[in-house]
């Protein structure tokens, strides 16, 4: 059970819509809440960034495990390239 206080303007609009659609005001409120909850679920961090996750992937699955060795090799390659110039 829920008690809801609305401004007179909102209550009038709700009454008019309920009468126009021929459905109870409580059904309009339930539908509105369902739509609101669905929108909240769609606007989470995962959904917002889903198209970007992995977009610039290196293709290497071991970066977190071998980060030190990979960095060491990159620095060594950079030094070797600099010394060969």
Protein backbone atom coordinates (compact mmCIF):
# COMPACT_ATOMS: atom_id res chain seq x y z
CA UNK A 1 0.00 0.00 0.00
CA UNK A 2 1.28 3.43 -0.87
CA UNK A 3 -0.04 6.88 -0.12
CA UNK A 4 0.99 9.54 -2.56
CA UNK A 5 0.66 13.31 -2.28
CA UNK A 6 0.46 15.20 -5.54
CA UNK A 7 0.26 18.85 -6.35
CA UNK A 8 -3.22 19.93 -7.45
CA UNK A 9 -1.93 20.33 -11.00
CA UNK A 10 -0.46 16.81 -11.12
CA UNK A 11 -3.58 15.32 -9.55
CA UNK A 12 -5.76 17.02 -12.15
CA UNK A 13 -3.58 15.73 -14.98
CA UNK A 14 -3.63 12.22 -13.51
CA UNK A 15 -7.43 12.33 -13.17
CA UNK A 16 -7.83 13.54 -16.75
CA UNK A 17 -5.51 10.86 -18.16
CA UNK A 18 -7.17 8.10 -16.13
CA UNK A 19 -10.59 9.20 -17.34
CA UNK A 20 -9.43 9.54 -20.94
CA UNK A 21 -7.80 6.09 -20.95
CA UNK A 22 -10.51 4.46 -18.85
CA UNK A 23 -8.05 2.94 -16.39
CA UNK A 24 -7.56 3.47 -12.66
CA UNK A 25 -5.09 6.07 -11.45
CA UNK A 26 -3.20 3.36 -9.58
CA UNK A 27 -2.56 1.53 -12.88
CA UNK A 28 -1.09 4.70 -14.40
CA UNK A 29 1.19 5.08 -11.38
CA UNK A 30 2.27 1.41 -11.61
CA UNK A 31 3.04 1.73 -15.33
CA UNK A 32 4.93 4.96 -14.71
CA UNK A 33 7.04 3.33 -12.00
CA UNK A 34 7.80 0.32 -14.23
CA UNK A 35 8.96 2.65 -17.01
CA UNK A 36 11.06 4.65 -14.56
CA UNK A 37 12.71 1.53 -13.12
CA UNK A 38 13.44 0.22 -16.61
CA UNK A 39 15.06 3.55 -17.53
CA UNK A 40 17.22 3.43 -14.40
CA UNK A 41 18.39 -0.08 -15.27
CA UNK A 42 19.35 1.06 -18.77
CA UNK A 43 21.27 4.08 -17.49
CA UNK A 44 23.89 2.28 -15.44
CA UNK A 45 27.66 2.48 -15.90
CA UNK A 46 27.87 -0.84 -17.74
CA UNK A 47 25.25 0.11 -20.30
CA UNK A 48 26.74 3.57 -20.81
CA UNK A 49 30.25 2.24 -21.49
CA UNK A 50 29.37 -1.11 -23.07
CA UNK A 51 30.27 0.00 -26.60
CA UNK A 52 33.66 1.26 -25.40
CA UNK A 53 34.77 -1.69 -23.28
CA UNK A 54 37.52 -3.52 -25.13
CA UNK A 55 37.32 -1.18 -28.12
CA UNK A 56 41.01 -0.33 -27.94
CA UNK A 57 42.13 -3.75 -26.81
CA UNK A 58 45.68 -4.86 -27.48
CA UNK A 59 44.54 -8.40 -28.00
CA UNK A 60 46.83 -9.57 -25.19
CA UNK A 61 45.01 -11.33 -22.39
CA UNK A 62 47.99 -11.42 -20.01
CA UNK A 63 48.64 -7.70 -19.52
CA UNK A 64 47.78 -7.63 -15.83
CA UNK A 65 49.75 -10.79 -15.05
CA UNK A 66 52.87 -9.92 -17.05
CA UNK A 67 52.80 -6.14 -16.81
CA UNK A 68 56.32 -5.84 -15.37
CA UNK A 69 57.91 -8.08 -17.99
CA UNK A 70 56.00 -6.36 -20.81
CA UNK A 71 57.03 -2.89 -19.57
CA UNK A 72 60.62 -4.00 -19.17
CA UNK A 73 60.66 -5.35 -22.74
CA UNK A 74 59.11 -2.15 -24.14
CA UNK A 75 61.72 -0.01 -22.37
CA UNK A 76 64.50 -2.27 -23.59
CA UNK A 77 63.18 -2.07 -27.18
CA UNK A 78 62.99 1.72 -26.89
CA UNK A 79 66.60 1.92 -25.62
CA UNK A 80 67.80 -0.38 -28.38
CA UNK A 81 66.05 1.72 -31.01
CA UNK A 82 67.54 4.90 -29.58
CA UNK A 83 71.05 3.41 -29.45
CA UNK A 84 70.87 2.15 -33.04
CA UNK A 85 70.21 5.66 -34.39
